[in-house]
Amino acid sequence: MAEISSIPSSGELPVGQISSREMPPTGALPAMLRTAVDLHPTGALPAMLRMAVDRTKDKERFEHMLKGWINKFSLSLVQSDTKNHIQQLVIEPFLEYILQRSFPYMLIAICVFSGILILVILIFVILLMDYNKSVICPFCDKTFR
């Protein structure tokens, strides 16, 4: 492998000397990092010296995984057991809760609407009864119909 000329005590990483036949292939670690790996007690690179991971295909991989998850989820929803389970544990309790919380307001709204409807009908009835009477004008003594 590489030979190290000296190890400085200043904390800097030593640079090894690699002969031309030991040159790393394309994409391999540079000489300084290879020497740092050789010197590290566990044989692993420190986190700040690791090479960047290729992330060019991550978006396509994530889209493929997400489509798979969505397909599995949609297929599980098609089964009647799952539908019944969701209906019993999610939909019915949710509707009961909504009705319990909104029932007083619905009752008040129905009473107000009914009161307004009855008031409008009474006004029309009063107007129709009053319309058939003939009125005598007190100033000119004429009859109006």
C-alpha atoms as a PDB file:
ATOM      1  CA  MET A   1       0.000   0.000   0.000  1.00  0.00           C
ATOM      2  CA  ALA A   2       1.240   3.526   0.581  1.00  0.00           C
ATOM      3  CA  GLU A   3       4.191   4.404   2.707  1.00  0.00           C
ATOM      4  CA  ILE A   4       4.036   7.371   5.032  1.00  0.00           C
ATOM      5  CA  SER A   5       7.095   9.595   5.193  1.00  0.00           C
ATOM      6  CA  SER A   6       6.427  11.031   8.655  1.00  0.00           C
ATOM      7  CA  ILE A   7       3.566  11.697  11.016  1.00  0.00           C
ATOM      8  CA  PRO A   8       3.466  15.321  12.110  1.00  0.00           C
ATOM      9  CA  SER A   9       2.315  16.075  15.648  1.00  0.00           C
ATOM     10  CA  SER A  10       0.366  19.184  14.650  1.00  0.00           C
ATOM     11  CA  GLY A  11      -2.804  17.171  13.943  1.00  0.00           C
ATOM     12  CA  GLU A  12      -2.657  17.554  10.157  1.00  0.00           C
ATOM     13  CA  LEU A  13      -3.317  14.522   7.992  1.00  0.00           C
ATOM     14  CA  PRO A  14      -0.098  13.014   6.643  1.00  0.00           C
ATOM     15  CA  VAL A  15       0.255  12.637   2.915  1.00  0.00           C
ATOM     16  CA  GLY A  16       1.544   9.279   1.770  1.00  0.00           C
ATOM     17  CA  GLN A  17       3.637   8.563  -1.275  1.00  0.00           C
ATOM     18  CA  ILE A  18       1.987   6.254  -3.784  1.00  0.00           C
ATOM     19  CA  SER A  19       3.906   4.868  -6.717  1.00  0.00           C
ATOM     20  CA  SER A  20       2.452   5.062 -10.222  1.00  0.00           C
ATOM     21  CA  ARG A  21       1.505   1.369 -10.259  1.00  0.00           C
ATOM     22  CA  GLU A  22      -0.465   1.820  -6.997  1.00  0.00           C
ATOM     23  CA  MET A  23      -2.472   4.771  -8.297  1.00  0.00           C
ATOM     24  CA  PRO A  24      -6.121   4.350  -7.371  1.00  0.00           C
ATOM     25  CA  PRO A  25      -8.564   3.705 -10.200  1.00  0.00           C
ATOM     26  CA  THR A  26     -10.883   6.449 -11.368  1.00  0.00           C
ATOM     27  CA  GLY A  27     -13.458   7.225  -8.690  1.00  0.00           C
ATOM     28  CA  ALA A  28     -11.296   5.784  -5.883  1.00  0.00           C
ATOM     29  CA  LEU A  29     -10.079   7.764  -2.881  1.00  0.00           C
ATOM     30  CA  PRO A  30      -7.274  10.253  -3.460  1.00  0.00           C
ATOM     31  CA  ALA A  31      -3.871   9.491  -1.987  1.00  0.00           C
ATOM     32  CA  MET A  32      -4.318  11.728   1.058  1.00  0.00           C
ATOM     33  CA  LEU A  33      -7.611  10.098   2.013  1.00  0.00           C
ATOM     34  CA  ARG A  34      -6.261   6.584   1.449  1.00  0.00           C
ATOM     35  CA  THR A  35      -3.428   7.378   3.833  1.00  0.00           C
ATOM     36  CA  ALA A  36      -5.927   8.795   6.357  1.00  0.00           C
ATOM     37  CA  VAL A  37      -7.898   5.546   6.171  1.00  0.00           C
ATOM     38  CA  ASP A  38      -4.737   3.544   6.741  1.00  0.00           C
ATOM     39  CA  LEU A  39      -3.897   5.655   9.807  1.00  0.00           C
ATOM     40  CA  HIS A  40      -7.380   5.711  11.330  1.00  0.00           C
ATOM     41  CA  PRO A  41      -7.595   3.175  14.201  1.00  0.00           C
ATOM     42  CA  THR A  42     -10.891   1.644  13.066  1.00  0.00           C
ATOM     43  CA  GLY A  43      -9.963   1.660   9.410  1.00  0.00           C
ATOM     44  CA  ALA A  44     -12.990   3.817   8.545  1.00  0.00           C
ATOM     45  CA  LEU A  45     -13.009   7.340   7.267  1.00  0.00           C
ATOM     46  CA  PRO A  46     -14.024  10.129   9.578  1.00  0.00           C
ATOM     47  CA  ALA A  47     -17.424  11.566   8.666  1.00  0.00           C
ATOM     48  CA  MET A  48     -16.037  14.775   7.208  1.00  0.00           C
ATOM     49  CA  LEU A  49     -13.607  12.912   4.890  1.00  0.00           C
ATOM     50  CA  ARG A  50     -16.075  10.512   3.270  1.00  0.00           C
ATOM     51  CA  MET A  51     -16.805  10.868  -0.422  1.00  0.00           C
ATOM     52  CA  ALA A  52     -20.189  12.273  -1.397  1.00  0.00           C
ATOM     53  CA  VAL A  53     -22.845   9.689  -2.205  1.00  0.00           C
ATOM     54  CA  ASP A  54     -24.248   9.784  -5.736  1.00  0.00           C
ATOM     55  CA  ARG A  55     -27.726  11.337  -5.380  1.00  0.00           C
ATOM     56  CA  THR A  56     -28.587  11.805  -9.070  1.00  0.00           C
ATOM     57  CA  LYS A  57     -31.101   8.944  -9.179  1.00  0.00           C
ATOM     58  CA  ASP A  58     -32.732   9.561  -5.776  1.00  0.00           C
ATOM     59  CA  LYS A  59     -35.751  11.345  -7.211  1.00  0.00           C
ATOM     60  CA  GLU A  60     -36.565   8.521  -9.615  1.00  0.00           C
ATOM     61  CA  ARG A  61     -36.057   5.901  -6.888  1.00  0.00           C
ATOM     62  CA  PHE A  62     -38.310   7.820  -4.501  1.00  0.00           C
ATOM     63  CA  GLU A  63     -41.022   8.218  -7.167  1.00  0.00           C
ATOM     64  CA  HIS A  64     -40.866   4.487  -7.913  1.00  0.00           C
ATOM     65  CA  MET A  65     -41.105   3.588  -4.203  1.00  0.00           C
ATOM     66  CA  LEU A  66     -43.954   6.058  -3.654  1.00  0.00           C
ATOM     67  CA  LYS A  67     -45.929   4.688  -6.610  1.00  0.00           C
ATOM     68  CA  GLY A  68     -45.477   1.183  -5.216  1.00  0.00           C
ATOM     69  CA  TRP A  69     -46.734   2.244  -1.794  1.00  0.00           C
ATOM     70  CA  ILE A  70     -49.724   4.041  -3.305  1.00  0.00           C
ATOM     71  CA  ASN A  71     -50.607   0.989  -5.412  1.00  0.00           C
ATOM     72  CA  LYS A  72     -50.397  -1.324  -2.388  1.00  0.00           C
ATOM     73  CA  PHE A  73     -52.521   1.082  -0.345  1.00  0.00           C
ATOM     74  CA  SER A  74     -55.165   1.418  -3.084  1.00  0.00           C
ATOM     75  CA  LEU A  75     -55.329  -2.365  -3.511  1.00  0.00           C
ATOM     76  CA  SER A  76     -55.787  -2.817   0.236  1.00  0.00           C
ATOM     77  CA  LEU A  77     -58.642  -0.279   0.223  1.00  0.00           C
ATOM     78  CA  VAL A  78     -60.496  -2.211  -2.481  1.00  0.00           C
ATOM     79  CA  GLN A  79     -60.966  -5.251  -0.237  1.00  0.00           C
ATOM     80  CA  SER A  80     -64.374  -5.388   1.462  1.00  0.00           C
ATOM     81  CA  ASP A  81     -62.858  -6.316   4.844  1.00  0.00           C
ATOM     82  CA  THR A  82     -60.790  -3.148   4.826  1.00  0.00           C
ATOM     83  CA  LYS A  83     -63.787  -1.057   3.783  1.00  0.00           C
ATOM     84  CA  ASN A  84     -65.899  -2.475   6.624  1.00  0.00           C
ATOM     85  CA  HIS A  85     -63.072  -1.977   9.088  1.00  0.00           C
ATOM     86  CA  ILE A  86     -62.605   1.668   8.058  1.00  0.00           C
ATOM     87  CA  GLN A  87     -66.356   2.283   8.133  1.00  0.00           C
ATOM     88  CA  GLN A  88     -66.751   0.847  11.640  1.00  0.00           C
ATOM     89  CA  LEU A  89     -63.666   2.368  13.218  1.00  0.00           C
ATOM     90  CA  VAL A  90     -63.354   5.707  11.430  1.00  0.00           C
ATOM     91  CA  ILE A  91     -66.421   6.919   9.570  1.00  0.00           C
ATOM     92  CA  GLU A  92     -69.231   5.961  11.963  1.00  0.00           C
ATOM     93  CA  PRO A  93     -67.575   7.356  15.131  1.00  0.00           C
ATOM     94  CA  PHE A  94     -66.626  10.508  13.250  1.00  0.00           C
ATOM     95  CA  LEU A  95     -70.207  11.084  12.043  1.00  0.00           C
ATOM     96  CA  GLU A  96     -71.582  10.401  15.527  1.00  0.00           C
ATOM     97  CA  TYR A  97     -69.196  12.943  17.000  1.00  0.00           C
ATOM     98  CA  ILE A  98     -70.137  15.562  14.399  1.00  0.00           C
ATOM     99  CA  LEU A  99     -73.867  15.017  14.978  1.00  0.00           C
ATOM    100  CA  GLN A 100     -73.479  15.180  18.762  1.00  0.00           C
ATOM    101  CA  ARG A 101     -71.567  18.451  18.557  1.00  0.00           C
ATOM    102  CA  SER A 102     -73.764  20.123  15.930  1.00  0.00           C
ATOM    103  CA  PHE A 103     -77.232  18.915  17.015  1.00  0.00           C
ATOM    104  CA  PRO A 104     -78.019  21.920  19.268  1.00  0.00           C
ATOM    105  CA  TYR A 105     -77.034  24.338  16.500  1.00  0.00           C
ATOM    106  CA  MET A 106     -79.127  22.468  13.942  1.00  0.00           C
ATOM    107  CA  LEU A 107     -82.079  22.544  16.341  1.00  0.00           C
ATOM    108  CA  ILE A 108     -81.725  26.317  16.814  1.00  0.00           C
ATOM    109  CA  ALA A 109     -81.418  26.853  13.038  1.00  0.00           C
ATOM    110  CA  ILE A 110     -84.550  24.779  12.363  1.00  0.00           C
ATOM    111  CA  CYS A 111     -86.518  26.743  14.985  1.00  0.00           C
ATOM    112  CA  VAL A 112     -85.421  30.109  13.578  1.00  0.00           C
ATOM    113  CA  PHE A 113     -86.196  29.054  10.001  1.00  0.00           C
ATOM    114  CA  SER A 114     -89.616  27.705  11.026  1.00  0.00           C
ATOM    115  CA  GLY A 115     -90.400  30.914  12.901  1.00  0.00           C
ATOM    116  CA  ILE A 116     -89.465  33.072   9.920  1.00  0.00           C
ATOM    117  CA  LEU A 117     -91.528  30.859   7.580  1.00  0.00           C
ATOM    118  CA  ILE A 118     -94.592  31.074   9.842  1.00  0.00           C
ATOM    119  CA  LEU A 119     -94.150  34.864  10.146  1.00  0.00           C
ATOM    120  CA  VAL A 120     -94.005  35.276   6.343  1.00  0.00           C
ATOM    121  CA  ILE A 121     -97.121  33.110   5.862  1.00  0.00           C
ATOM    122  CA  LEU A 122     -99.012  35.136   8.498  1.00  0.00           C
ATOM    123  CA  ILE A 123     -98.023  38.388   6.818  1.00  0.00           C
ATOM    124  CA  PHE A 124     -99.333  37.128   3.472  1.00  0.00           C
ATOM    125  CA  VAL A 125    -102.599  35.954   5.078  1.00  0.00           C
ATOM    126  CA  ILE A 126    -103.104  39.311   6.785  1.00  0.00           C
ATOM    127  CA  LEU A 127    -102.405  41.150   3.542  1.00  0.00           C
ATOM    128  CA  LEU A 128    -104.875  38.978   1.607  1.00  0.00           C
ATOM    129  CA  MET A 129    -107.633  39.424   4.214  1.00  0.00           C
ATOM    130  CA  ASP A 130    -107.083  43.120   4.340  1.00  0.00           C
ATOM    131  CA  TYR A 131    -107.002  43.475   0.575  1.00  0.00           C
ATOM    132  CA  ASN A 132    -110.675  42.474   0.044  1.00  0.00           C
ATOM    133  CA  LYS A 133    -112.065  45.204   2.292  1.00  0.00           C
ATOM    134  CA  SER A 134    -113.064  48.442   0.754  1.00  0.00           C
ATOM    135  CA  VAL A 135    -111.522  51.496   2.292  1.00  0.00           C
ATOM    136  CA  ILE A 136    -113.213  54.873   2.487  1.00  0.00           C
ATOM    137  CA  CYS A 137    -110.941  57.811   2.295  1.00  0.00           C
ATOM    138  CA  PRO A 138    -111.737  60.123   5.249  1.00  0.00           C
ATOM    139  CA  PHE A 139    -110.735  63.254   3.320  1.00  0.00           C
ATOM    140  CA  CYS A 140    -112.507  62.783   0.032  1.00  0.00           C
ATOM    141  CA  ASP A 141    -115.304  60.281   0.898  1.00  0.00           C
ATOM    142  CA  LYS A 142    -114.392  58.003  -1.980  1.00  0.00           C
ATOM    143  CA  THR A 143    -114.342  54.233  -1.807  1.00  0.00           C
ATOM    144  CA  PHE A 144    -111.141  52.408  -2.770  1.00  0.00           C
ATOM    145  CA  ARG A 145    -110.938  48.814  -3.539  1.00  0.00           C
END
